[in-house]
PDB file of N, CA and C in Angstrom:
ATOM      1  N   MET A   1      80.033  -4.361  35.603  1.00  0.00           N
ATOM      2  CA  MET A   1      79.640  -3.039  35.146  1.00  0.00           C
ATOM      3  C   MET A   1      80.581  -2.620  34.016  1.00  0.00           C
ATOM      4  N   ASN A   2      80.033  -2.165  32.958  1.00  0.00           N
ATOM      5  CA  ASN A   2      80.796  -1.721  31.803  1.00  0.00           C
ATOM      6  C   ASN A   2      81.234  -0.272  32.022  1.00  0.00           C
ATOM      7  N   ALA A   3      82.519  -0.002  31.837  1.00  0.00           N
ATOM      8  CA  ALA A   3      83.044   1.346  32.062  1.00  0.00           C
ATOM      9  C   ALA A   3      82.442   2.371  31.114  1.00  0.00           C
ATOM     10  N   MET A   4      81.903   1.947  30.005  1.00  0.00           N
ATOM     11  CA  MET A   4      81.316   2.893  29.068  1.00  0.00           C
ATOM     12  C   MET A   4      79.868   3.219  29.423  1.00  0.00           C
ATOM     13  N   THR A   5      79.267   2.447  30.319  1.00  0.00           N
ATOM     14  CA  THR A   5      77.918   2.715  30.798  1.00  0.00           C
ATOM     15  C   THR A   5      78.053   3.286  32.206  1.00  0.00           C
ATOM     16  N   LEU A   6      78.296   4.572  32.296  1.00  0.00           N
ATOM     17  CA  LEU A   6      78.568   5.191  33.581  1.00  0.00           C
ATOM     18  C   LEU A   6      77.290   5.415  34.375  1.00  0.00           C
ATOM     19  N   PRO A   7      77.397   5.284  35.707  1.00  0.00           N
ATOM     20  CA  PRO A   7      76.241   5.610  36.550  1.00  0.00           C
ATOM     21  C   PRO A   7      75.833   7.067  36.338  1.00  0.00           C
ATOM     22  N   HIS A   8      74.640   7.402  36.777  1.00  0.00           N
ATOM     23  CA  HIS A   8      74.090   8.743  36.585  1.00  0.00           C
ATOM     24  C   HIS A   8      74.936   9.827  37.253  1.00  0.00           C
ATOM     25  N   MET A   9      75.484   9.541  38.438  1.00  0.00           N
ATOM     26  CA  MET A   9      76.250  10.553  39.166  1.00  0.00           C
ATOM     27  C   MET A   9      77.575   9.964  39.643  1.00  0.00           C
ATOM     28  N   ALA A  10      78.611  10.785  39.634  1.00  0.00           N
ATOM     29  CA  ALA A  10      79.911  10.371  40.136  1.00  0.00           C
ATOM     30  C   ALA A  10      79.863  10.273  41.658  1.00  0.00           C
ATOM     31  N   HIS A  11      80.741   9.442  42.205  1.00  0.00           N
ATOM     32  CA  HIS A  11      80.828   9.273  43.653  1.00  0.00           C
ATOM     33  C   HIS A  11      81.826  10.225  44.288  1.00  0.00           C
ATOM     34  N   GLY A  12      82.639  10.874  43.492  1.00  0.00           N
ATOM     35  CA  GLY A  12      83.641  11.791  44.025  1.00  0.00           C
ATOM     36  C   GLY A  12      84.895  11.753  43.187  1.00  0.00           C
ATOM     37  N   THR A  13      86.001  12.137  43.815  1.00  0.00           N
ATOM     38  CA  THR A  13      87.279  12.150  43.113  1.00  0.00           C
ATOM     39  C   THR A  13      88.305  11.339  43.893  1.00  0.00           C
ATOM     40  N   ALA A  14      89.377  10.993  43.203  1.00  0.00           N
ATOM     41  CA  ALA A  14      90.492  10.271  43.809  1.00  0.00           C
ATOM     42  C   ALA A  14      91.775  10.805  43.188  1.00  0.00           C
ATOM     43  N   VAL A  15      92.890  10.537  43.871  1.00  0.00           N
ATOM     44  CA  VAL A  15      94.206  10.964  43.401  1.00  0.00           C
ATOM     45  C   VAL A  15      95.049   9.719  43.153  1.00  0.00           C
ATOM     46  N   VAL A  16      95.742   9.687  42.015  1.00  0.00           N
ATOM     47  CA  VAL A  16      96.613   8.564  41.673  1.00  0.00           C
ATOM     48  C   VAL A  16      97.842   8.616  42.575  1.00  0.00           C
ATOM     49  N   THR A  17      98.151   7.493  43.233  1.00  0.00           N
ATOM     50  CA  THR A  17      99.291   7.449  44.151  1.00  0.00           C
ATOM     51  C   THR A  17     100.514   6.760  43.553  1.00  0.00           C
ATOM     52  N   GLY A  18     100.342   5.977  42.503  1.00  0.00           N
ATOM     53  CA  GLY A  18     101.479   5.325  41.859  1.00  0.00           C
ATOM     54  C   GLY A  18     102.091   6.212  40.788  1.00  0.00           C
ATOM     55  N   ASP A  19     103.311   5.861  40.343  1.00  0.00           N
ATOM     56  CA  ASP A  19     103.958   6.642  39.278  1.00  0.00           C
ATOM     57  C   ASP A  19     103.144   6.593  37.993  1.00  0.00           C
ATOM     58  N   ARG A  20     102.703   5.418  37.627  1.00  0.00           N
ATOM     59  CA  ARG A  20     101.857   5.191  36.447  1.00  0.00           C
ATOM     60  C   ARG A  20     100.800   4.178  36.843  1.00  0.00           C
ATOM     61  N   LEU A  21      99.584   4.416  36.440  1.00  0.00           N
ATOM     62  CA  LEU A  21      98.486   3.508  36.757  1.00  0.00           C
ATOM     63  C   LEU A  21      97.757   3.140  35.473  1.00  0.00           C
ATOM     64  N   ASN A  22      97.735   1.848  35.173  1.00  0.00           N
ATOM     65  CA  ASN A  22      97.031   1.381  33.985  1.00  0.00           C
ATOM     66  C   ASN A  22      95.525   1.497  34.176  1.00  0.00           C
ATOM     67  N   VAL A  23      94.868   1.971  33.140  1.00  0.00           N
ATOM     68  CA  VAL A  23      93.405   2.012  33.093  1.00  0.00           C
ATOM     69  C   VAL A  23      93.007   0.905  32.124  1.00  0.00           C
ATOM     70  N   ARG A  24      92.104   0.038  32.588  1.00  0.00           N
ATOM     71  CA  ARG A  24      91.790  -1.167  31.827  1.00  0.00           C
ATOM     72  C   ARG A  24      90.339  -1.190  31.344  1.00  0.00           C
ATOM     73  N   ALA A  25      90.097  -1.994  30.337  1.00  0.00           N
ATOM     74  CA  ALA A  25      88.758  -2.122  29.760  1.00  0.00           C
ATOM     75  C   ALA A  25      87.804  -2.838  30.709  1.00  0.00           C
ATOM     76  N   ASP A  26      88.320  -3.728  31.536  1.00  0.00           N
ATOM     77  CA  ASP A  26      87.533  -4.504  32.493  1.00  0.00           C
ATOM     78  C   ASP A  26      88.293  -4.576  33.812  1.00  0.00           C
ATOM     79  N   PRO A  27      87.626  -4.928  34.899  1.00  0.00           N
ATOM     80  CA  PRO A  27      88.283  -4.951  36.208  1.00  0.00           C
ATOM     81  C   PRO A  27      89.088  -6.221  36.466  1.00  0.00           C
ATOM     82  N   HIS A  28      90.095  -6.462  35.632  1.00  0.00           N
ATOM     83  CA  HIS A  28      90.967  -7.627  35.776  1.00  0.00           C
ATOM     84  C   HIS A  28      92.374  -7.229  35.331  1.00  0.00           C
ATOM     85  N   THR A  29      93.392  -7.754  35.991  1.00  0.00           N
ATOM     86  CA  THR A  29      94.766  -7.410  35.602  1.00  0.00           C
ATOM     87  C   THR A  29      95.113  -7.933  34.214  1.00  0.00           C
ATOM     88  N   SER A  30      94.355  -8.890  33.703  1.00  0.00           N
ATOM     89  CA  SER A  30      94.618  -9.411  32.361  1.00  0.00           C
ATOM     90  C   SER A  30      93.855  -8.652  31.274  1.00  0.00           C
ATOM     91  N   ALA A  31      92.985  -7.715  31.663  1.00  0.00           N
ATOM     92  CA  ALA A  31      92.184  -6.966  30.691  1.00  0.00           C
ATOM     93  C   ALA A  31      93.052  -5.982  29.911  1.00  0.00           C
ATOM     94  N   ALA A  32      92.610  -5.642  28.723  1.00  0.00           N
ATOM     95  CA  ALA A  32      93.342  -4.713  27.862  1.00  0.00           C
ATOM     96  C   ALA A  32      93.525  -3.355  28.537  1.00  0.00           C
ATOM     97  N   VAL A  33      94.730  -2.806  28.390  1.00  0.00           N
ATOM     98  CA  VAL A  33      95.034  -1.471  28.908  1.00  0.00           C
ATOM     99  C   VAL A  33      94.555  -0.452  27.882  1.00  0.00           C
ATOM    100  N   VAL A  34      93.709   0.491  28.322  1.00  0.00           N
ATOM    101  CA  VAL A  34      93.179   1.509  27.411  1.00  0.00           C
ATOM    102  C   VAL A  34      93.894   2.847  27.574  1.00  0.00           C
ATOM    103  N   GLY A  35      94.732   2.956  28.604  1.00  0.00           N
ATOM    104  CA  GLY A  35      95.488   4.184  28.829  1.00  0.00           C
ATOM    105  C   GLY A  35      96.178   4.140  30.177  1.00  0.00           C
ATOM    106  N   GLN A  36      96.866   5.231  30.506  1.00  0.00           N
ATOM    107  CA  GLN A  36      97.562   5.317  31.783  1.00  0.00           C
ATOM    108  C   GLN A  36      97.307   6.661  32.444  1.00  0.00           C
ATOM    109  N   LEU A  37      97.324   6.619  33.769  1.00  0.00           N
ATOM    110  CA  LEU A  37      97.249   7.829  34.581  1.00  0.00           C
ATOM    111  C   LEU A  37      98.603   8.030  35.233  1.00  0.00           C
ATOM    112  N   VAL A  38      98.912   9.259  35.617  1.00  0.00           N
ATOM    113  CA  VAL A  38     100.209   9.561  36.227  1.00  0.00           C
ATOM    114  C   VAL A  38     100.019   9.981  37.680  1.00  0.00           C
ATOM    115  N   ALA A  39     101.125   9.942  38.422  1.00  0.00           N
ATOM    116  CA  ALA A  39     101.105  10.292  39.840  1.00  0.00           C
ATOM    117  C   ALA A  39     100.490  11.666  40.060  1.00  0.00           C
ATOM    118  N   SER A  40      99.685  11.773  41.093  1.00  0.00           N
ATOM    119  CA  SER A  40      99.018  13.001  41.537  1.00  0.00           C
ATOM    120  C   SER A  40      97.879  13.450  40.628  1.00  0.00           C
ATOM    121  N   GLU A  41      97.594  12.695  39.575  1.00  0.00           N
ATOM    122  CA  GLU A  41      96.470  13.049  38.699  1.00  0.00           C
ATOM    123  C   GLU A  41      95.158  12.850  39.460  1.00  0.00           C
ATOM    124  N   VAL A  42      94.244  13.788  39.320  1.00  0.00           N
ATOM    125  CA  VAL A  42      92.933  13.704  39.956  1.00  0.00           C
ATOM    126  C   VAL A  42      91.945  13.141  38.948  1.00  0.00           C
ATOM    127  N   VAL A  43      91.185  12.147  39.375  1.00  0.00           N
ATOM    128  CA  VAL A  43      90.202  11.507  38.504  1.00  0.00           C
ATOM    129  C   VAL A  43      88.829  11.509  39.165  1.00  0.00           C
ATOM    130  N   THR A  44      87.801  11.473  38.335  1.00  0.00           N
ATOM    131  CA  THR A  44      86.441  11.295  38.822  1.00  0.00           C
ATOM    132  C   THR A  44      86.216   9.804  39.035  1.00  0.00           C
ATOM    133  N   VAL A  45      85.588   9.454  40.148  1.00  0.00           N
ATOM    134  CA  VAL A  45      85.271   8.056  40.444  1.00  0.00           C
ATOM    135  C   VAL A  45      83.772   7.854  40.246  1.00  0.00           C
ATOM    136  N   TRP A  46      83.430   6.958  39.318  1.00  0.00           N
ATOM    137  CA  TRP A  46      82.030   6.693  38.999  1.00  0.00           C
ATOM    138  C   TRP A  46      81.469   5.530  39.795  1.00  0.00           C
ATOM    139  N   ALA A  47      82.314   4.560  40.107  1.00  0.00           N
ATOM    140  CA  ALA A  47      81.858   3.395  40.868  1.00  0.00           C
ATOM    141  C   ALA A  47      83.071   2.683  41.439  1.00  0.00           C
ATOM    142  N   VAL A  48      82.859   1.974  42.541  1.00  0.00           N
ATOM    143  CA  VAL A  48      83.907   1.161  43.161  1.00  0.00           C
ATOM    144  C   VAL A  48      83.324  -0.223  43.386  1.00  0.00           C
ATOM    145  N   ASP A  49      84.084  -1.260  42.952  1.00  0.00           N
ATOM    146  CA  ASP A  49      83.591  -2.625  43.085  1.00  0.00           C
ATOM    147  C   ASP A  49      84.747  -3.595  43.228  1.00  0.00           C
ATOM    148  N   ASP A  50      84.806  -4.289  44.357  1.00  0.00           N
ATOM    149  CA  ASP A  50      85.742  -5.391  44.572  1.00  0.00           C
ATOM    150  C   ASP A  50      87.201  -5.031  44.255  1.00  0.00           C
ATOM    151  N   GLY A  51      87.655  -3.888  44.766  1.00  0.00           N
ATOM    152  CA  GLY A  51      89.052  -3.500  44.587  1.00  0.00           C
ATOM    153  C   GLY A  51      89.356  -2.752  43.307  1.00  0.00           C
ATOM    154  N   TRP A  52      88.332  -2.442  42.545  1.00  0.00           N
ATOM    155  CA  TRP A  52      88.493  -1.716  41.288  1.00  0.00           C
ATOM    156  C   TRP A  52      87.561  -0.515  41.270  1.00  0.00           C
ATOM    157  N   ALA A  53      87.949   0.522  40.538  1.00  0.00           N
ATOM    158  CA  ALA A  53      87.110   1.710  40.408  1.00  0.00           C
ATOM    159  C   ALA A  53      86.991   2.088  38.939  1.00  0.00           C
ATOM    160  N   ILE A  54      85.803   2.522  38.541  1.00  0.00           N
ATOM    161  CA  ILE A  54      85.647   3.114  37.212  1.00  0.00           C
ATOM    162  C   ILE A  54      86.023   4.580  37.378  1.00  0.00           C
ATOM    163  N   VAL A  55      87.061   4.994  36.645  1.00  0.00           N
ATOM    164  CA  VAL A  55      87.574   6.360  36.769  1.00  0.00           C
ATOM    165  C   VAL A  55      87.548   7.062  35.421  1.00  0.00           C
ATOM    166  N   GLN A  56      87.604   8.392  35.482  1.00  0.00           N
ATOM    167  CA  GLN A  56      87.661   9.203  34.261  1.00  0.00           C
ATOM    168  C   GLN A  56      88.531  10.418  34.554  1.00  0.00           C
ATOM    169  N   ASN A  57      89.489  10.680  33.665  1.00  0.00           N
ATOM    170  CA  ASN A  57      90.321  11.872  33.855  1.00  0.00           C
ATOM    171  C   ASN A  57      89.792  13.035  33.021  1.00  0.00           C
ATOM    172  N   VAL A  58      90.437  14.188  33.133  1.00  0.00           N
ATOM    173  CA  VAL A  58      89.954  15.391  32.447  1.00  0.00           C
ATOM    174  C   VAL A  58      90.049  15.278  30.927  1.00  0.00           C
ATOM    175  N   ARG A  59      90.874  14.374  30.425  1.00  0.00           N
ATOM    176  CA  ARG A  59      90.999  14.176  28.980  1.00  0.00           C
ATOM    177  C   ARG A  59      89.952  13.197  28.448  1.00  0.00           C
ATOM    178  N   GLY A  60      89.133  12.630  29.352  1.00  0.00           N
ATOM    179  CA  GLY A  60      88.081  11.717  28.927  1.00  0.00           C
ATOM    180  C   GLY A  60      88.445  10.255  28.974  1.00  0.00           C
ATOM    181  N   LEU A  61      89.682   9.914  29.362  1.00  0.00           N
ATOM    182  CA  LEU A  61      90.078   8.519  29.501  1.00  0.00           C
ATOM    183  C   LEU A  61      89.215   7.887  30.593  1.00  0.00           C
ATOM    184  N   THR A  62      88.512   6.825  30.238  1.00  0.00           N
ATOM    185  CA  THR A  62      87.590   6.177  31.162  1.00  0.00           C
ATOM    186  C   THR A  62      87.827   4.680  31.157  1.00  0.00           C
ATOM    187  N   GLY A  63      87.860   4.093  32.335  1.00  0.00           N
ATOM    188  CA  GLY A  63      88.024   2.649  32.457  1.00  0.00           C
ATOM    189  C   GLY A  63      88.220   2.257  33.906  1.00  0.00           C
ATOM    190  N   TRP A  64      88.657   1.033  34.098  1.00  0.00           N
ATOM    191  CA  TRP A  64      88.836   0.460  35.427  1.00  0.00           C
ATOM    192  C   TRP A  64      90.279   0.624  35.894  1.00  0.00           C
ATOM    193  N   ALA A  65      90.452   0.989  37.171  1.00  0.00           N
ATOM    194  CA  ALA A  65      91.778   1.111  37.772  1.00  0.00           C
ATOM    195  C   ALA A  65      91.754   0.463  39.146  1.00  0.00           C
ATOM    196  N   SER A  66      92.864  -0.115  39.540  1.00  0.00           N
ATOM    197  CA  SER A  66      92.963  -0.743  40.852  1.00  0.00           C
ATOM    198  C   SER A  66      92.927   0.325  41.943  1.00  0.00           C
ATOM    199  N   VAL A  67      92.077   0.117  42.957  1.00  0.00           N
ATOM    200  CA  VAL A  67      91.998   1.088  44.058  1.00  0.00           C
ATOM    201  C   VAL A  67      93.265   1.072  44.914  1.00  0.00           C
ATOM    202  N   GLN A  68      94.100   0.058  44.735  1.00  0.00           N
ATOM    203  CA  GLN A  68      95.365  -0.034  45.462  1.00  0.00           C
ATOM    204  C   GLN A  68      96.262   1.168  45.163  1.00  0.00           C
ATOM    205  N   TYR A  69      96.098   1.772  43.994  1.00  0.00           N
ATOM    206  CA  TYR A  69      96.944   2.887  43.563  1.00  0.00           C
ATOM    207  C   TYR A  69      96.181   4.199  43.478  1.00  0.00           C
ATOM    208  N   LEU A  70      95.062   4.276  44.199  1.00  0.00           N
ATOM    209  CA  LEU A  70      94.250   5.492  44.246  1.00  0.00           C
ATOM    210  C   LEU A  70      94.050   5.904  45.697  1.00  0.00           C
ATOM    211  N   ASP A  71      94.131   7.190  45.964  1.00  0.00           N
ATOM    212  CA  ASP A  71      93.744   7.713  47.258  1.00  0.00           C
ATOM    213  C   ASP A  71      92.278   8.133  47.119  1.00  0.00           C
ATOM    214  N   LEU A  72      91.397   7.295  47.657  1.00  0.00           N
ATOM    215  CA  LEU A  72      89.967   7.524  47.516  1.00  0.00           C
ATOM    216  C   LEU A  72      89.406   8.476  48.561  1.00  0.00           C
ATOM    217  N   GLY A  73      90.233   8.897  49.501  1.00  0.00           N
ATOM    218  CA  GLY A  73      89.754   9.795  50.537  1.00  0.00           C
ATOM    219  C   GLY A  73      88.574   9.181  51.258  1.00  0.00           C
ATOM    220  N   PRO A  74      87.461   9.907  51.340  1.00  0.00           N
ATOM    221  CA  PRO A  74      86.304   9.397  52.095  1.00  0.00           C
ATOM    222  C   PRO A  74      85.480   8.346  51.361  1.00  0.00           C
ATOM    223  N   LEU A  75      85.829   8.039  50.104  1.00  0.00           N
ATOM    224  CA  LEU A  75      85.073   7.011  49.372  1.00  0.00           C
ATOM    225  C   LEU A  75      85.357   5.637  49.966  1.00  0.00           C
ATOM    226  N   VAL A  76      84.393   4.770  49.915  1.00  0.00           N
ATOM    227  CA  VAL A  76      84.560   3.399  50.407  1.00  0.00           C
ATOM    228  C   VAL A  76      85.043   2.526  49.266  1.00  0.00           C
ATOM    229  N   ALA A  77      86.177   1.874  49.457  1.00  0.00           N
ATOM    230  CA  ALA A  77      86.746   1.014  48.403  1.00  0.00           C
ATOM    231  C   ALA A  77      86.226  -0.417  48.513  1.00  0.00           C
TER     232      ALA A  77
END
């Protein structure tokens, strides 16, 4: 799934649990970093797939982040 082709509706929100969380162009640790999120930042979750989530923050930064560093609450990771 391409992070720029977002699903019609968001699945909810999540909170960043790490100090800094890289947001990547693709769901791989080797993918290009397009930005970073900071601890306690709340993001919209558009999709979750195989340990990765497509997230978007209030500034519009959108991409893939590891669910290992997100508190997804009731969302299924």
